[in-house]
PDB file of N, CA and C in Angstrom:
ATOM      1  N   MET A   1      17.572 -14.152 -43.141  1.00  0.00           N
ATOM      2  CA  MET A   1      18.290 -13.078 -42.515  1.00  0.00           C
ATOM      3  C   MET A   1      18.490 -13.415 -41.038  1.00  0.00           C
ATOM      4  N   LYS A   2      19.738 -13.359 -40.587  1.00  0.00           N
ATOM      5  CA  LYS A   2      20.038 -13.649 -39.194  1.00  0.00           C
ATOM      6  C   LYS A   2      19.767 -12.431 -38.326  1.00  0.00           C
ATOM      7  N   SER A   3      19.226 -12.692 -37.149  1.00  0.00           N
ATOM      8  CA  SER A   3      19.025 -11.583 -36.221  1.00  0.00           C
ATOM      9  C   SER A   3      20.243 -11.475 -35.299  1.00  0.00           C
ATOM     10  N   ARG A   4      20.584 -10.257 -34.983  1.00  0.00           N
ATOM     11  CA  ARG A   4      21.726 -10.022 -34.109  1.00  0.00           C
ATOM     12  C   ARG A   4      21.252  -9.930 -32.665  1.00  0.00           C
ATOM     13  N   PRO A   5      22.090 -10.375 -31.744  1.00  0.00           N
ATOM     14  CA  PRO A   5      21.703 -10.208 -30.336  1.00  0.00           C
ATOM     15  C   PRO A   5      21.702  -8.732 -29.954  1.00  0.00           C
ATOM     16  N   VAL A   6      20.826  -8.380 -29.035  1.00  0.00           N
ATOM     17  CA  VAL A   6      20.706  -6.992 -28.609  1.00  0.00           C
ATOM     18  C   VAL A   6      21.967  -6.560 -27.875  1.00  0.00           C
ATOM     19  N   SER A   7      22.571  -7.485 -27.142  1.00  0.00           N
ATOM     20  CA  SER A   7      23.756  -7.172 -26.352  1.00  0.00           C
ATOM     21  C   SER A   7      24.870  -8.132 -26.735  1.00  0.00           C
ATOM     22  N   ASN A   8      26.094  -7.693 -26.543  1.00  0.00           N
ATOM     23  CA  ASN A   8      27.221  -8.572 -26.842  1.00  0.00           C
ATOM     24  C   ASN A   8      27.708  -9.300 -25.591  1.00  0.00           C
ATOM     25  N   GLY A   9      26.937  -9.258 -24.518  1.00  0.00           N
ATOM     26  CA  GLY A   9      27.295  -9.941 -23.291  1.00  0.00           C
ATOM     27  C   GLY A   9      27.977  -9.060 -22.266  1.00  0.00           C
ATOM     28  N   THR A  10      28.243  -7.826 -22.616  1.00  0.00           N
ATOM     29  CA  THR A  10      28.948  -6.945 -21.700  1.00  0.00           C
ATOM     30  C   THR A  10      28.123  -6.660 -20.453  1.00  0.00           C
ATOM     31  N   SER A  11      26.837  -6.434 -20.608  1.00  0.00           N
ATOM     32  CA  SER A  11      26.004  -6.131 -19.442  1.00  0.00           C
ATOM     33  C   SER A  11      25.931  -7.329 -18.507  1.00  0.00           C
ATOM     34  N   GLY A  12      25.899  -8.520 -19.053  1.00  0.00           N
ATOM     35  CA  GLY A  12      25.906  -9.722 -18.217  1.00  0.00           C
ATOM     36  C   GLY A  12      27.199  -9.854 -17.441  1.00  0.00           C
ATOM     37  N   ASN A  13      28.313  -9.521 -18.084  1.00  0.00           N
ATOM     38  CA  ASN A  13      29.600  -9.566 -17.398  1.00  0.00           C
ATOM     39  C   ASN A  13      29.660  -8.537 -16.280  1.00  0.00           C
ATOM     40  N   VAL A  14      29.101  -7.376 -16.510  1.00  0.00           N
ATOM     41  CA  VAL A  14      29.089  -6.334 -15.481  1.00  0.00           C
ATOM     42  C   VAL A  14      28.268  -6.800 -14.276  1.00  0.00           C
ATOM     43  N   VAL A  15      27.123  -7.377 -14.531  1.00  0.00           N
ATOM     44  CA  VAL A  15      26.265  -7.861 -13.444  1.00  0.00           C
ATOM     45  C   VAL A  15      26.980  -8.951 -12.649  1.00  0.00           C
ATOM     46  N   LEU A  16      27.588  -9.900 -13.336  1.00  0.00           N
ATOM     47  CA  LEU A  16      28.315 -10.965 -12.637  1.00  0.00           C
ATOM     48  C   LEU A  16      29.489 -10.421 -11.845  1.00  0.00           C
ATOM     49  N   THR A  17      30.170  -9.432 -12.392  1.00  0.00           N
ATOM     50  CA  THR A  17      31.286  -8.813 -11.684  1.00  0.00           C
ATOM     51  C   THR A  17      30.803  -8.125 -10.418  1.00  0.00           C
ATOM     52  N   LEU A  18      29.690  -7.390 -10.503  1.00  0.00           N
ATOM     53  CA  LEU A  18      29.150  -6.708  -9.326  1.00  0.00           C
ATOM     54  C   LEU A  18      28.692  -7.705  -8.264  1.00  0.00           C
ATOM     55  N   ILE A  19      28.086  -8.789  -8.683  1.00  0.00           N
ATOM     56  CA  ILE A  19      27.668  -9.826  -7.731  1.00  0.00           C
ATOM     57  C   ILE A  19      28.897 -10.440  -7.057  1.00  0.00           C
ATOM     58  N   GLY A  20      29.936 -10.667  -7.838  1.00  0.00           N
ATOM     59  CA  GLY A  20      31.170 -11.219  -7.277  1.00  0.00           C
ATOM     60  C   GLY A  20      31.805 -10.284  -6.267  1.00  0.00           C
ATOM     61  N   TRP A  21      31.870  -8.996  -6.581  1.00  0.00           N
ATOM     62  CA  TRP A  21      32.437  -8.022  -5.641  1.00  0.00           C
ATOM     63  C   TRP A  21      31.595  -7.927  -4.386  1.00  0.00           C
ATOM     64  N   ALA A  22      30.281  -7.957  -4.512  1.00  0.00           N
ATOM     65  CA  ALA A  22      29.400  -7.886  -3.341  1.00  0.00           C
ATOM     66  C   ALA A  22      29.588  -9.109  -2.448  1.00  0.00           C
ATOM     67  N   ALA A  23      29.705 -10.280  -3.062  1.00  0.00           N
ATOM     68  CA  ALA A  23      29.936 -11.501  -2.283  1.00  0.00           C
ATOM     69  C   ALA A  23      31.288 -11.448  -1.581  1.00  0.00           C
ATOM     70  N   TRP A  24      32.308 -10.970  -2.276  1.00  0.00           N
ATOM     71  CA  TRP A  24      33.634 -10.842  -1.681  1.00  0.00           C
ATOM     72  C   TRP A  24      33.600  -9.863  -0.505  1.00  0.00           C
ATOM     73  N   ALA A  25      32.911  -8.737  -0.668  1.00  0.00           N
ATOM     74  CA  ALA A  25      32.827  -7.743   0.398  1.00  0.00           C
ATOM     75  C   ALA A  25      32.092  -8.303   1.621  1.00  0.00           C
ATOM     76  N   ALA A  26      31.015  -9.041   1.395  1.00  0.00           N
ATOM     77  CA  ALA A  26      30.269  -9.636   2.509  1.00  0.00           C
ATOM     78  C   ALA A  26      31.131 -10.659   3.245  1.00  0.00           C
ATOM     79  N   PHE A  27      31.843 -11.489   2.516  1.00  0.00           N
ATOM     80  CA  PHE A  27      32.715 -12.485   3.125  1.00  0.00           C
ATOM     81  C   PHE A  27      33.838 -11.810   3.911  1.00  0.00           C
ATOM     82  N   THR A  28      34.487 -10.824   3.295  1.00  0.00           N
ATOM     83  CA  THR A  28      35.597 -10.132   3.953  1.00  0.00           C
ATOM     84  C   THR A  28      35.115  -9.410   5.208  1.00  0.00           C
ATOM     85  N   GLY A  29      33.963  -8.774   5.129  1.00  0.00           N
ATOM     86  CA  GLY A  29      33.409  -8.099   6.299  1.00  0.00           C
ATOM     87  C   GLY A  29      33.122  -9.054   7.438  1.00  0.00           C
ATOM     88  N   SER A  30      32.552 -10.211   7.119  1.00  0.00           N
ATOM     89  CA  SER A  30      32.246 -11.170   8.178  1.00  0.00           C
ATOM     90  C   SER A  30      33.521 -11.749   8.784  1.00  0.00           C
ATOM     91  N   VAL A  31      34.540 -11.978   7.968  1.00  0.00           N
ATOM     92  CA  VAL A  31      35.817 -12.472   8.498  1.00  0.00           C
ATOM     93  C   VAL A  31      36.448 -11.421   9.411  1.00  0.00           C
ATOM     94  N   LEU A  32      36.401 -10.154   9.009  1.00  0.00           N
ATOM     95  CA  LEU A  32      36.956  -9.094   9.854  1.00  0.00           C
ATOM     96  C   LEU A  32      36.203  -8.982  11.175  1.00  0.00           C
ATOM     97  N   LEU A  33      34.871  -9.043  11.143  1.00  0.00           N
ATOM     98  CA  LEU A  33      34.086  -8.980  12.372  1.00  0.00           C
ATOM     99  C   LEU A  33      34.404 -10.141  13.297  1.00  0.00           C
ATOM    100  N   GLU A  34      34.510 -11.331  12.745  1.00  0.00           N
ATOM    101  CA  GLU A  34      34.836 -12.498  13.556  1.00  0.00           C
ATOM    102  C   GLU A  34      36.242 -12.412  14.125  1.00  0.00           C
ATOM    103  N   THR A  35      37.181 -11.866  13.350  1.00  0.00           N
ATOM    104  CA  THR A  35      38.554 -11.721  13.824  1.00  0.00           C
ATOM    105  C   THR A  35      38.621 -10.747  14.992  1.00  0.00           C
ATOM    106  N   VAL A  36      37.938  -9.624  14.878  1.00  0.00           N
ATOM    107  CA  VAL A  36      37.903  -8.646  15.969  1.00  0.00           C
ATOM    108  C   VAL A  36      37.260  -9.267  17.200  1.00  0.00           C
ATOM    109  N   ALA A  37      36.165  -9.985  17.020  1.00  0.00           N
ATOM    110  CA  ALA A  37      35.497 -10.628  18.152  1.00  0.00           C
ATOM    111  C   ALA A  37      36.407 -11.667  18.805  1.00  0.00           C
ATOM    112  N   LEU A  38      37.132 -12.418  18.017  1.00  0.00           N
ATOM    113  CA  LEU A  38      38.047 -13.417  18.545  1.00  0.00           C
ATOM    114  C   LEU A  38      39.166 -12.756  19.341  1.00  0.00           C
ATOM    115  N   LEU A  39      39.711 -11.658  18.835  1.00  0.00           N
ATOM    116  CA  LEU A  39      40.782 -10.955  19.533  1.00  0.00           C
ATOM    117  C   LEU A  39      40.301 -10.342  20.847  1.00  0.00           C
ATOM    118  N   ARG A  40      39.031  -9.985  20.900  1.00  0.00           N
ATOM    119  CA  ARG A  40      38.455  -9.437  22.132  1.00  0.00           C
ATOM    120  C   ARG A  40      38.018 -10.535  23.097  1.00  0.00           C
ATOM    121  N   GLY A  41      38.073 -11.775  22.669  1.00  0.00           N
ATOM    122  CA  GLY A  41      37.662 -12.882  23.523  1.00  0.00           C
ATOM    123  C   GLY A  41      36.170 -13.092  23.575  1.00  0.00           C
ATOM    124  N   ARG A  42      35.470 -12.633  22.578  1.00  0.00           N
ATOM    125  CA  ARG A  42      34.016 -12.779  22.502  1.00  0.00           C
ATOM    126  C   ARG A  42      33.653 -13.526  21.232  1.00  0.00           C
ATOM    127  N   SER A  43      32.381 -13.861  21.128  1.00  0.00           N
ATOM    128  CA  SER A  43      31.886 -14.352  19.849  1.00  0.00           C
ATOM    129  C   SER A  43      30.675 -13.514  19.475  1.00  0.00           C
ATOM    130  N   LEU A  44      30.496 -13.302  18.219  1.00  0.00           N
ATOM    131  CA  LEU A  44      29.354 -12.514  17.759  1.00  0.00           C
ATOM    132  C   LEU A  44      28.089 -13.351  17.838  1.00  0.00           C
ATOM    133  N   GLN A  45      27.029 -12.746  18.353  1.00  0.00           N
ATOM    134  CA  GLN A  45      25.737 -13.410  18.345  1.00  0.00           C
ATOM    135  C   GLN A  45      25.094 -13.188  16.988  1.00  0.00           C
ATOM    136  N   ARG A  46      24.208 -14.042  16.626  1.00  0.00           N
ATOM    137  CA  ARG A  46      23.536 -13.905  15.326  1.00  0.00           C
ATOM    138  C   ARG A  46      22.791 -12.581  15.271  1.00  0.00           C
ATOM    139  N   GLY A  47      23.081 -11.798  14.232  1.00  0.00           N
ATOM    140  CA  GLY A  47      22.422 -10.516  14.042  1.00  0.00           C
ATOM    141  C   GLY A  47      23.043  -9.376  14.833  1.00  0.00           C
ATOM    142  N   GLN A  48      24.147  -9.637  15.535  1.00  0.00           N
ATOM    143  CA  GLN A  48      24.794  -8.592  16.324  1.00  0.00           C
ATOM    144  C   GLN A  48      25.938  -7.995  15.505  1.00  0.00           C
ATOM    145  N   TYR A  49      25.806  -6.720  15.169  1.00  0.00           N
ATOM    146  CA  TYR A  49      26.851  -6.040  14.405  1.00  0.00           C
ATOM    147  C   TYR A  49      27.170  -4.741  15.108  1.00  0.00           C
ATOM    148  N   PRO A  50      28.411  -4.288  15.023  1.00  0.00           N
ATOM    149  CA  PRO A  50      28.771  -3.025  15.689  1.00  0.00           C
ATOM    150  C   PRO A  50      28.097  -1.821  15.063  1.00  0.00           C
TER     151      PRO A  50
END
């Protein structure tokens, strides 16, 4: 008798999707912060956020 998997992979896809969105948001946020700093003629120091 074959055993069936508990999940069909949907929960794994959801987790990967959330990780992808979080990574995209972090990247986009850092690019926006750097762009604003560049336009103001400054550079962001490590750990300095508005």
